[in-house]
Amino acid sequence: MAATKMGVPDAEAPETIVWQGKYVVAKVRGRWEYVGRTRNIRAAVILAVEDGHVLLVEQYRVPMGRNCLELPAGLIGDEDGGEGEDDLIAAGRELEEETGYRAAKLEDCGEFFSSPGMVSESFTLVRASELTKVNEGGGTESENITVHRVALGELADFIAQKRDQGCGIDVRMLMLLGEKILAGE
């Protein structure tokens, strides 16, 4: 059941589109300014953990002005005519495109929001397993993705090294580090 909006300032204010591009839209509702995806496009984020290793990708992100370490991910239904694309099909396609691994099993772990005070975009977290390497990955011709297969026991050190090298670290890395952070390690 959805939470009630009654008594929440600006919840019932009209939404105004300030600017819209092909993929992103900036909106105002009352005092709130936020961005979202056009055409209700969402993303699939893939958690590919198997044999004590996790697949990560590193790529240059223009908004940050530097490389970012991330879980493999991609947009769902972003191509013309792709409205209604299945989340798991998109996740499988993106995993193979970005990492070169194909998953025999894809599991929907639910819908999440990464920065709900500023972005309305959601993503579906997909667990990928029974992985087979089918190519080198690296993304499409417009992407330059580096694939990292990292041992879970070395993950915290790997992330620290990447941070020291000036690489941005996606918030989803917290999911992989959570137990150690909670334990104070």
N, C-alpha and C. Protein backbone atom coordinates (compact mmCIF):
# COMPACT_ATOMS: atom_id res chain seq x y z
N MET A 1 0.85 -1.18 0.00
CA MET A 1 0.00 0.00 0.00
C MET A 1 0.90 1.24 0.00
N ALA A 2 0.57 2.20 -0.82
CA ALA A 2 1.35 3.43 -0.92
C ALA A 2 1.10 4.31 0.30
N ALA A 3 2.14 5.03 0.70
CA ALA A 3 2.01 5.96 1.82
C ALA A 3 1.12 7.12 1.41
N THR A 4 0.43 7.68 2.37
CA THR A 4 -0.47 8.79 2.09
C THR A 4 0.30 10.08 1.88
N LYS A 5 -0.25 10.94 1.02
CA LYS A 5 0.36 12.24 0.74
C LYS A 5 -0.29 13.34 1.58
N MET A 6 -1.35 12.99 2.29
CA MET A 6 -2.10 13.98 3.05
C MET A 6 -1.20 14.69 4.04
N GLY A 7 -1.20 16.01 4.01
CA GLY A 7 -0.42 16.79 4.94
C GLY A 7 1.04 16.99 4.54
N VAL A 8 1.46 16.41 3.43
CA VAL A 8 2.85 16.58 2.98
C VAL A 8 2.90 17.83 2.10
N PRO A 9 3.69 18.84 2.51
CA PRO A 9 3.78 20.07 1.71
C PRO A 9 4.20 19.76 0.27
N ASP A 10 3.53 20.37 -0.68
CA ASP A 10 3.83 20.28 -2.11
C ASP A 10 3.42 18.96 -2.77
N ALA A 11 2.95 17.97 -2.02
CA ALA A 11 2.60 16.68 -2.61
C ALA A 11 1.52 16.79 -3.67
N GLU A 12 0.57 17.69 -3.48
CA GLU A 12 -0.53 17.84 -4.42
C GLU A 12 -0.34 19.02 -5.38
N ALA A 13 0.80 19.69 -5.29
CA ALA A 13 1.07 20.83 -6.19
C ALA A 13 1.20 20.31 -7.62
N PRO A 14 0.84 21.12 -8.60
CA PRO A 14 0.98 20.67 -9.99
C PRO A 14 2.45 20.52 -10.36
N GLU A 15 2.72 19.53 -11.20
CA GLU A 15 4.07 19.29 -11.69
C GLU A 15 4.28 20.06 -12.99
N THR A 16 5.42 20.76 -13.08
CA THR A 16 5.75 21.55 -14.26
C THR A 16 7.06 21.04 -14.85
N ILE A 17 7.07 20.83 -16.16
CA ILE A 17 8.30 20.46 -16.84
C ILE A 17 9.05 21.73 -17.20
N VAL A 18 10.28 21.86 -16.71
CA VAL A 18 11.11 23.03 -16.96
C VAL A 18 11.93 22.85 -18.23
N TRP A 19 12.44 21.63 -18.42
CA TRP A 19 13.26 21.32 -19.59
C TRP A 19 13.17 19.83 -19.85
N GLN A 20 13.19 19.45 -21.11
CA GLN A 20 13.16 18.03 -21.44
C GLN A 20 14.08 17.75 -22.62
N GLY A 21 14.92 16.74 -22.46
CA GLY A 21 15.78 16.26 -23.53
C GLY A 21 15.29 14.90 -23.99
N LYS A 22 16.14 14.16 -24.68
CA LYS A 22 15.76 12.84 -25.18
C LYS A 22 15.60 11.84 -24.04
N TYR A 23 16.47 11.93 -23.01
CA TYR A 23 16.46 10.94 -21.94
C TYR A 23 16.14 11.50 -20.56
N VAL A 24 16.31 12.81 -20.36
CA VAL A 24 16.18 13.41 -19.03
C VAL A 24 15.18 14.55 -19.07
N VAL A 25 14.45 14.70 -17.97
CA VAL A 25 13.49 15.79 -17.83
C VAL A 25 13.68 16.45 -16.46
N ALA A 26 13.70 17.78 -16.44
CA ALA A 26 13.79 18.54 -15.19
C ALA A 26 12.40 19.05 -14.85
N LYS A 27 11.99 18.87 -13.60
CA LYS A 27 10.62 19.20 -13.18
C LYS A 27 10.62 20.03 -11.91
N VAL A 28 9.50 20.72 -11.69
CA VAL A 28 9.25 21.45 -10.45
C VAL A 28 7.86 21.06 -9.96
N ARG A 29 7.76 20.79 -8.66
CA ARG A 29 6.46 20.54 -8.01
C ARG A 29 6.50 21.30 -6.70
N GLY A 30 5.75 22.40 -6.64
CA GLY A 30 5.80 23.24 -5.45
C GLY A 30 7.21 23.81 -5.30
N ARG A 31 7.82 23.56 -4.14
CA ARG A 31 9.19 24.05 -3.89
C ARG A 31 10.26 23.07 -4.34
N TRP A 32 9.87 21.90 -4.82
CA TRP A 32 10.82 20.84 -5.18
C TRP A 32 11.25 20.93 -6.63
N GLU A 33 12.55 20.83 -6.85
CA GLU A 33 13.12 20.71 -8.19
C GLU A 33 13.76 19.32 -8.26
N TYR A 34 13.49 18.59 -9.33
CA TYR A 34 14.05 17.24 -9.45
C TYR A 34 14.12 16.84 -10.92
N VAL A 35 14.85 15.77 -11.16
CA VAL A 35 14.98 15.26 -12.52
C VAL A 35 14.47 13.84 -12.59
N GLY A 36 14.16 13.42 -13.78
CA GLY A 36 13.71 12.06 -14.01
C GLY A 36 14.06 11.64 -15.42
N ARG A 37 13.65 10.48 -15.78
CA ARG A 37 13.83 9.96 -17.14
C ARG A 37 12.58 10.26 -17.96
N THR A 38 12.79 10.57 -19.23
CA THR A 38 11.64 10.76 -20.11
C THR A 38 10.98 9.42 -20.38
N ARG A 39 9.76 9.45 -20.81
CA ARG A 39 9.00 8.26 -21.21
C ARG A 39 8.96 7.18 -20.13
N ASN A 40 9.16 7.58 -18.87
CA ASN A 40 9.16 6.63 -17.74
C ASN A 40 10.20 5.53 -17.89
N ILE A 41 11.31 5.84 -18.57
CA ILE A 41 12.39 4.88 -18.71
C ILE A 41 12.97 4.62 -17.32
N ARG A 42 13.29 3.36 -17.08
CA ARG A 42 13.92 2.98 -15.81
C ARG A 42 15.24 2.30 -16.13
N ALA A 43 15.91 1.82 -15.12
CA ALA A 43 17.19 1.15 -15.32
C ALA A 43 17.16 -0.24 -14.68
N ALA A 44 18.06 -1.07 -15.17
CA ALA A 44 18.33 -2.37 -14.54
C ALA A 44 19.77 -2.32 -14.05
N VAL A 45 19.98 -2.68 -12.79
CA VAL A 45 21.31 -2.75 -12.20
C VAL A 45 21.55 -4.22 -11.88
N ILE A 46 22.71 -4.73 -12.32
CA ILE A 46 22.96 -6.16 -12.24
C ILE A 46 24.00 -6.49 -11.18
N LEU A 47 23.61 -7.34 -10.25
CA LEU A 47 24.50 -7.86 -9.22
C LEU A 47 24.92 -9.25 -9.66
N ALA A 48 26.12 -9.34 -10.22
CA ALA A 48 26.65 -10.61 -10.72
C ALA A 48 27.74 -11.07 -9.77
N VAL A 49 27.35 -11.91 -8.81
CA VAL A 49 28.28 -12.44 -7.81
C VAL A 49 28.25 -13.95 -7.94
N GLU A 50 29.45 -14.51 -8.14
CA GLU A 50 29.53 -15.97 -8.28
C GLU A 50 30.97 -16.41 -8.00
N ASP A 51 31.10 -17.57 -7.41
CA ASP A 51 32.41 -18.15 -7.11
C ASP A 51 33.28 -17.18 -6.31
N GLY A 52 32.66 -16.44 -5.40
CA GLY A 52 33.41 -15.53 -4.54
C GLY A 52 33.92 -14.28 -5.22
N HIS A 53 33.39 -13.96 -6.40
CA HIS A 53 33.80 -12.77 -7.16
C HIS A 53 32.57 -11.98 -7.59
N VAL A 54 32.77 -10.68 -7.81
CA VAL A 54 31.71 -9.82 -8.30
C VAL A 54 32.20 -9.14 -9.58
N LEU A 55 31.29 -8.94 -10.52
CA LEU A 55 31.62 -8.22 -11.75
C LEU A 55 31.29 -6.75 -11.56
N LEU A 56 32.28 -5.89 -11.80
CA LEU A 56 32.12 -4.45 -11.72
C LEU A 56 32.55 -3.84 -13.05
N VAL A 57 32.05 -2.66 -13.33
CA VAL A 57 32.46 -1.94 -14.53
C VAL A 57 32.96 -0.56 -14.12
N GLU A 58 33.89 -0.07 -14.93
CA GLU A 58 34.43 1.27 -14.72
C GLU A 58 34.30 2.01 -16.04
N GLN A 59 33.74 3.21 -15.98
CA GLN A 59 33.58 4.00 -17.20
C GLN A 59 33.56 5.48 -16.87
N TYR A 60 33.93 6.26 -17.88
CA TYR A 60 33.93 7.72 -17.71
C TYR A 60 32.50 8.21 -17.66
N ARG A 61 32.20 9.07 -16.68
CA ARG A 61 30.88 9.65 -16.53
C ARG A 61 31.01 11.17 -16.66
N VAL A 62 30.43 11.71 -17.71
CA VAL A 62 30.54 13.14 -18.00
C VAL A 62 30.06 14.01 -16.83
N PRO A 63 28.91 13.72 -16.18
CA PRO A 63 28.49 14.60 -15.08
C PRO A 63 29.51 14.68 -13.94
N MET A 64 30.28 13.63 -13.74
CA MET A 64 31.28 13.62 -12.68
C MET A 64 32.63 14.12 -13.17
N GLY A 65 32.86 14.06 -14.47
CA GLY A 65 34.14 14.47 -15.03
C GLY A 65 35.27 13.50 -14.72
N ARG A 66 34.92 12.25 -14.47
CA ARG A 66 35.92 11.22 -14.16
C ARG A 66 35.31 9.84 -14.30
N ASN A 67 36.17 8.83 -14.20
CA ASN A 67 35.69 7.46 -14.23
C ASN A 67 34.89 7.16 -12.96
N CYS A 68 34.01 6.19 -13.07
CA CYS A 68 33.19 5.77 -11.93
C CYS A 68 33.18 4.24 -11.89
N LEU A 69 33.33 3.67 -10.70
CA LEU A 69 33.24 2.24 -10.48
C LEU A 69 31.79 1.92 -10.12
N GLU A 70 31.21 0.96 -10.85
CA GLU A 70 29.78 0.70 -10.73
C GLU A 70 29.47 -0.78 -10.89
N LEU A 71 28.26 -1.15 -10.54
CA LEU A 71 27.71 -2.43 -10.96
C LEU A 71 27.28 -2.26 -12.41
N PRO A 72 27.32 -3.32 -13.20
CA PRO A 72 26.81 -3.20 -14.57
C PRO A 72 25.35 -2.75 -14.53
N ALA A 73 24.97 -1.91 -15.49
CA ALA A 73 23.61 -1.38 -15.50
C ALA A 73 23.26 -0.86 -16.89
N GLY A 74 21.99 -0.66 -17.12
CA GLY A 74 21.56 -0.07 -18.38
C GLY A 74 20.09 0.30 -18.32
N LEU A 75 19.69 1.05 -19.31
CA LEU A 75 18.30 1.51 -19.37
C LEU A 75 17.39 0.43 -19.92
N ILE A 76 16.16 0.44 -19.44
CA ILE A 76 15.13 -0.49 -19.89
C ILE A 76 14.20 0.27 -20.82
N GLY A 77 14.03 -0.22 -22.03
CA GLY A 77 13.09 0.39 -22.96
C GLY A 77 13.51 1.74 -23.49
N ASP A 78 14.82 2.00 -23.55
CA ASP A 78 15.29 3.31 -24.00
C ASP A 78 15.30 3.46 -25.51
N GLU A 79 15.32 2.37 -26.23
CA GLU A 79 15.30 2.44 -27.69
C GLU A 79 13.88 2.70 -28.18
N ASP A 80 13.76 3.42 -29.29
CA ASP A 80 12.43 3.67 -29.86
C ASP A 80 11.72 2.34 -30.09
N GLY A 81 10.49 2.27 -29.64
CA GLY A 81 9.71 1.04 -29.76
C GLY A 81 10.00 0.05 -28.65
N GLY A 82 10.88 0.41 -27.70
CA GLY A 82 11.25 -0.51 -26.63
C GLY A 82 10.40 -0.38 -25.39
N GLU A 83 9.36 0.46 -25.44
CA GLU A 83 8.49 0.62 -24.28
C GLU A 83 7.93 -0.75 -23.90
N GLY A 84 7.91 -1.03 -22.63
CA GLY A 84 7.39 -2.31 -22.17
C GLY A 84 8.42 -3.42 -22.18
N GLU A 85 9.71 -3.09 -22.45
CA GLU A 85 10.75 -4.12 -22.43
C GLU A 85 10.80 -4.76 -21.05
N ASP A 86 10.96 -6.05 -21.01
CA ASP A 86 11.03 -6.78 -19.76
C ASP A 86 12.34 -6.45 -19.02
N ASP A 87 12.25 -6.21 -17.72
CA ASP A 87 13.40 -5.84 -16.90
C ASP A 87 14.52 -6.89 -16.99
N LEU A 88 14.15 -8.16 -16.91
CA LEU A 88 15.15 -9.22 -16.90
C LEU A 88 15.82 -9.38 -18.26
N ILE A 89 15.07 -9.19 -19.32
CA ILE A 89 15.66 -9.26 -20.67
C ILE A 89 16.66 -8.11 -20.85
N ALA A 90 16.27 -6.91 -20.41
CA ALA A 90 17.17 -5.76 -20.50
C ALA A 90 18.43 -6.00 -19.66
N ALA A 91 18.26 -6.56 -18.47
CA ALA A 91 19.40 -6.82 -17.59
C ALA A 91 20.37 -7.82 -18.22
N GLY A 92 19.83 -8.87 -18.80
CA GLY A 92 20.68 -9.86 -19.45
C GLY A 92 21.45 -9.27 -20.62
N ARG A 93 20.76 -8.45 -21.41
CA ARG A 93 21.40 -7.77 -22.55
C ARG A 93 22.52 -6.86 -22.08
N GLU A 94 22.24 -6.04 -21.07
CA GLU A 94 23.22 -5.09 -20.56
C GLU A 94 24.42 -5.79 -19.91
N LEU A 95 24.17 -6.87 -19.17
CA LEU A 95 25.27 -7.60 -18.55
C LEU A 95 26.24 -8.11 -19.61
N GLU A 96 25.70 -8.73 -20.65
CA GLU A 96 26.55 -9.27 -21.71
C GLU A 96 27.26 -8.15 -22.47
N GLU A 97 26.54 -7.08 -22.78
CA GLU A 97 27.10 -5.95 -23.52
C GLU A 97 28.27 -5.31 -22.75
N GLU A 98 28.06 -5.09 -21.45
CA GLU A 98 29.05 -4.37 -20.66
C GLU A 98 30.19 -5.25 -20.16
N THR A 99 29.89 -6.49 -19.76
CA THR A 99 30.91 -7.32 -19.12
C THR A 99 31.40 -8.48 -19.96
N GLY A 100 30.63 -8.87 -20.96
CA GLY A 100 30.99 -10.05 -21.75
C GLY A 100 30.54 -11.35 -21.13
N TYR A 101 29.78 -11.28 -20.03
CA TYR A 101 29.27 -12.48 -19.37
C TYR A 101 27.78 -12.63 -19.66
N ARG A 102 27.36 -13.86 -19.88
CA ARG A 102 25.95 -14.20 -20.07
C ARG A 102 25.49 -14.95 -18.83
N ALA A 103 24.32 -14.61 -18.35
CA ALA A 103 23.75 -15.26 -17.16
C ALA A 103 22.66 -16.23 -17.58
N ALA A 104 22.74 -17.45 -17.09
CA ALA A 104 21.68 -18.44 -17.35
C ALA A 104 20.50 -18.18 -16.42
N LYS A 105 20.74 -17.48 -15.31
CA LYS A 105 19.67 -17.22 -14.35
C LYS A 105 19.68 -15.74 -13.97
N LEU A 106 18.52 -15.09 -14.07
CA LEU A 106 18.35 -13.69 -13.68
C LEU A 106 17.17 -13.62 -12.72
N GLU A 107 17.39 -12.96 -11.58
CA GLU A 107 16.36 -12.89 -10.53
C GLU A 107 16.07 -11.43 -10.20
N ASP A 108 14.80 -11.05 -10.24
CA ASP A 108 14.35 -9.69 -9.88
C ASP A 108 14.40 -9.54 -8.37
N CYS A 109 15.23 -8.61 -7.89
CA CYS A 109 15.37 -8.38 -6.44
C CYS A 109 14.59 -7.16 -5.96
N GLY A 110 13.81 -6.54 -6.86
CA GLY A 110 12.97 -5.43 -6.46
C GLY A 110 13.37 -4.10 -7.05
N GLU A 111 12.49 -3.12 -6.83
CA GLU A 111 12.68 -1.76 -7.33
C GLU A 111 13.30 -0.89 -6.24
N PHE A 112 14.27 -0.06 -6.63
CA PHE A 112 14.96 0.82 -5.70
C PHE A 112 15.11 2.21 -6.30
N PHE A 113 15.37 3.18 -5.44
CA PHE A 113 15.60 4.57 -5.85
C PHE A 113 16.93 5.01 -5.25
N SER A 114 17.81 5.58 -6.08
CA SER A 114 19.16 5.87 -5.61
C SER A 114 19.30 7.23 -4.94
N SER A 115 18.54 8.22 -5.33
CA SER A 115 18.64 9.54 -4.72
C SER A 115 17.26 10.19 -4.74
N PRO A 116 16.33 9.68 -3.92
CA PRO A 116 14.92 10.07 -4.03
C PRO A 116 14.60 11.52 -3.71
N GLY A 117 15.51 12.27 -3.13
CA GLY A 117 15.27 13.68 -2.88
C GLY A 117 15.55 14.55 -4.09
N MET A 118 16.18 13.96 -5.13
CA MET A 118 16.55 14.74 -6.29
C MET A 118 16.18 14.08 -7.62
N VAL A 119 16.05 12.76 -7.62
CA VAL A 119 15.83 12.03 -8.86
C VAL A 119 14.64 11.10 -8.69
N SER A 120 13.71 11.13 -9.65
CA SER A 120 12.55 10.25 -9.56
C SER A 120 12.81 8.89 -10.20
N GLU A 121 13.94 8.71 -10.89
CA GLU A 121 14.26 7.45 -11.57
C GLU A 121 14.38 6.31 -10.58
N SER A 122 13.86 5.16 -10.98
CA SER A 122 14.02 3.95 -10.19
C SER A 122 14.85 2.95 -10.99
N PHE A 123 15.34 1.94 -10.29
CA PHE A 123 16.01 0.85 -10.98
C PHE A 123 15.57 -0.47 -10.39
N THR A 124 15.61 -1.50 -11.21
CA THR A 124 15.36 -2.85 -10.76
C THR A 124 16.70 -3.51 -10.51
N LEU A 125 16.90 -4.01 -9.31
CA LEU A 125 18.12 -4.75 -8.99
C LEU A 125 17.91 -6.19 -9.44
N VAL A 126 18.84 -6.68 -10.24
CA VAL A 126 18.74 -8.03 -10.79
C VAL A 126 19.97 -8.82 -10.39
N ARG A 127 19.75 -9.98 -9.76
CA ARG A 127 20.85 -10.87 -9.42
C ARG A 127 21.08 -11.81 -10.61
N ALA A 128 22.33 -11.85 -11.08
CA ALA A 128 22.70 -12.70 -12.21
C ALA A 128 23.57 -13.84 -11.71
N SER A 129 23.28 -15.05 -12.15
CA SER A 129 24.09 -16.20 -11.74
C SER A 129 24.20 -17.19 -12.90
N GLU A 130 24.98 -18.23 -12.64
CA GLU A 130 25.30 -19.22 -13.68
C GLU A 130 25.89 -18.50 -14.88
N LEU A 131 27.01 -17.81 -14.61
CA LEU A 131 27.65 -16.93 -15.58
C LEU A 131 28.60 -17.69 -16.50
N THR A 132 28.58 -17.30 -17.77
CA THR A 132 29.50 -17.82 -18.78
C THR A 132 30.10 -16.65 -19.53
N LYS A 133 31.43 -16.62 -19.62
CA LYS A 133 32.08 -15.55 -20.37
C LYS A 133 31.94 -15.87 -21.86
N VAL A 134 31.32 -14.94 -22.60
CA VAL A 134 31.08 -15.15 -24.03
C VAL A 134 31.85 -14.18 -24.92
N ASN A 135 32.32 -13.07 -24.35
CA ASN A 135 33.15 -12.12 -25.09
C ASN A 135 33.86 -11.20 -24.09
N GLU A 136 34.56 -10.21 -24.60
CA GLU A 136 35.34 -9.32 -23.73
C GLU A 136 34.52 -8.21 -23.08
N GLY A 137 33.30 -7.97 -23.54
CA GLY A 137 32.49 -6.89 -22.97
C GLY A 137 33.04 -5.55 -23.39
N GLY A 138 32.84 -4.55 -22.57
CA GLY A 138 33.33 -3.21 -22.88
C GLY A 138 32.25 -2.26 -23.35
N GLY A 139 31.03 -2.74 -23.50
CA GLY A 139 29.93 -1.88 -23.91
C GLY A 139 29.80 -1.74 -25.41
N THR A 140 28.99 -0.78 -25.81
CA THR A 140 28.76 -0.52 -27.23
C THR A 140 29.89 0.35 -27.77
N GLU A 141 29.86 0.64 -29.05
CA GLU A 141 30.92 1.45 -29.66
C GLU A 141 31.00 2.86 -29.08
N SER A 142 29.92 3.34 -28.47
CA SER A 142 29.94 4.69 -27.87
C SER A 142 30.39 4.66 -26.41
N GLU A 143 30.68 3.47 -25.88
CA GLU A 143 31.11 3.33 -24.49
C GLU A 143 32.56 2.83 -24.46
N ASN A 144 33.22 3.06 -23.35
CA ASN A 144 34.57 2.57 -23.16
C ASN A 144 34.64 2.00 -21.75
N ILE A 145 34.10 0.82 -21.58
CA ILE A 145 33.93 0.21 -20.26
C ILE A 145 35.07 -0.77 -19.98
N THR A 146 35.64 -0.65 -18.79
CA THR A 146 36.63 -1.61 -18.30
C THR A 146 35.91 -2.55 -17.33
N VAL A 147 36.09 -3.84 -17.54
CA VAL A 147 35.44 -4.85 -16.70
C VAL A 147 36.42 -5.29 -15.61
N HIS A 148 35.91 -5.38 -14.39
CA HIS A 148 36.70 -5.87 -13.26
C HIS A 148 35.97 -7.05 -12.64
N ARG A 149 36.68 -8.17 -12.49
CA ARG A 149 36.17 -9.32 -11.75
C ARG A 149 36.96 -9.35 -10.46
N VAL A 150 36.29 -9.00 -9.35
CA VAL A 150 36.99 -8.76 -8.09
C VAL A 150 36.56 -9.79 -7.05
N ALA A 151 37.55 -10.36 -6.37
CA ALA A 151 37.26 -11.28 -5.26
C ALA A 151 36.57 -10.50 -4.15
N LEU A 152 35.50 -11.06 -3.61
CA LEU A 152 34.75 -10.37 -2.56
C LEU A 152 35.63 -10.05 -1.35
N GLY A 153 36.56 -10.92 -1.02
CA GLY A 153 37.45 -10.68 0.11
C GLY A 153 38.42 -9.53 -0.12
N GLU A 154 38.61 -9.13 -1.36
CA GLU A 154 39.52 -8.04 -1.71
C GLU A 154 38.77 -6.77 -2.14
N LEU A 155 37.45 -6.82 -2.05
CA LEU A 155 36.63 -5.72 -2.59
C LEU A 155 36.89 -4.39 -1.90
N ALA A 156 36.93 -4.37 -0.58
CA ALA A 156 37.12 -3.10 0.14
C ALA A 156 38.44 -2.46 -0.27
N ASP A 157 39.50 -3.26 -0.36
CA ASP A 157 40.80 -2.73 -0.77
C ASP A 157 40.76 -2.25 -2.22
N PHE A 158 40.09 -3.00 -3.09
CA PHE A 158 39.99 -2.62 -4.50
C PHE A 158 39.28 -1.27 -4.64
N ILE A 159 38.17 -1.11 -3.92
CA ILE A 159 37.43 0.15 -3.96
C ILE A 159 38.29 1.30 -3.42
N ALA A 160 39.00 1.06 -2.33
CA ALA A 160 39.87 2.09 -1.77
C ALA A 160 40.96 2.49 -2.77
N GLN A 161 41.53 1.52 -3.47
CA GLN A 161 42.55 1.82 -4.48
C GLN A 161 41.96 2.66 -5.62
N LYS A 162 40.78 2.29 -6.07
CA LYS A 162 40.12 3.04 -7.15
C LYS A 162 39.82 4.47 -6.69
N ARG A 163 39.37 4.62 -5.47
CA ARG A 163 39.09 5.96 -4.93
C ARG A 163 40.38 6.78 -4.88
N ASP A 164 41.47 6.15 -4.43
CA ASP A 164 42.77 6.83 -4.37
C ASP A 164 43.26 7.25 -5.75
N GLN A 165 42.84 6.52 -6.79
CA GLN A 165 43.22 6.84 -8.17
C GLN A 165 42.32 7.93 -8.76
N GLY A 166 41.37 8.42 -7.96
CA GLY A 166 40.48 9.47 -8.42
C GLY A 166 39.18 8.99 -9.04
N CYS A 167 38.94 7.71 -8.95
CA CYS A 167 37.72 7.13 -9.52
C CYS A 167 36.54 7.41 -8.58
N GLY A 168 35.40 7.80 -9.15
CA GLY A 168 34.18 7.95 -8.37
C GLY A 168 33.65 6.56 -8.01
N ILE A 169 32.96 6.45 -6.90
CA ILE A 169 32.43 5.17 -6.46
C ILE A 169 30.91 5.28 -6.38
N ASP A 170 30.23 4.48 -7.18
CA ASP A 170 28.77 4.50 -7.20
C ASP A 170 28.21 4.07 -5.85
N VAL A 171 27.12 4.68 -5.43
CA VAL A 171 26.50 4.41 -4.13
C VAL A 171 26.13 2.93 -3.98
N ARG A 172 25.90 2.23 -5.06
CA ARG A 172 25.50 0.83 -4.96
C ARG A 172 26.63 -0.07 -4.43
N MET A 173 27.85 0.44 -4.41
CA MET A 173 28.96 -0.32 -3.82
C MET A 173 28.72 -0.54 -2.33
N LEU A 174 27.93 0.34 -1.71
CA LEU A 174 27.61 0.17 -0.30
C LEU A 174 26.93 -1.17 -0.03
N MET A 175 26.16 -1.65 -1.00
CA MET A 175 25.48 -2.94 -0.85
C MET A 175 26.51 -4.05 -0.66
N LEU A 176 27.63 -3.95 -1.36
CA LEU A 176 28.66 -4.98 -1.29
C LEU A 176 29.53 -4.82 -0.04
N LEU A 177 29.62 -3.60 0.46
CA LEU A 177 30.46 -3.32 1.63
C LEU A 177 29.66 -3.27 2.93
N GLY A 178 28.35 -3.31 2.84
CA GLY A 178 27.47 -3.06 3.98
C GLY A 178 27.79 -3.81 5.23
N GLU A 179 28.04 -5.11 5.14
CA GLU A 179 28.28 -5.91 6.33
C GLU A 179 29.56 -5.44 7.04
N LYS A 180 30.59 -5.14 6.26
CA LYS A 180 31.86 -4.68 6.86
C LYS A 180 31.68 -3.29 7.48
N ILE A 181 30.93 -2.42 6.80
CA ILE A 181 30.70 -1.08 7.34
C ILE A 181 29.94 -1.17 8.66
N LEU A 182 28.89 -2.01 8.70
CA LEU A 182 28.11 -2.17 9.92
C LEU A 182 28.93 -2.75 11.06
N ALA A 183 29.91 -3.58 10.72
CA ALA A 183 30.78 -4.19 11.73
C ALA A 183 31.90 -3.24 12.15
N GLY A 184 32.00 -2.08 11.50
CA GLY A 184 33.02 -1.10 11.86
C GLY A 184 34.39 -1.39 11.26
N GLU A 185 34.41 -2.21 10.23
CA GLU A 185 35.70 -2.56 9.59
C GLU A 185 36.08 -1.59 8.52
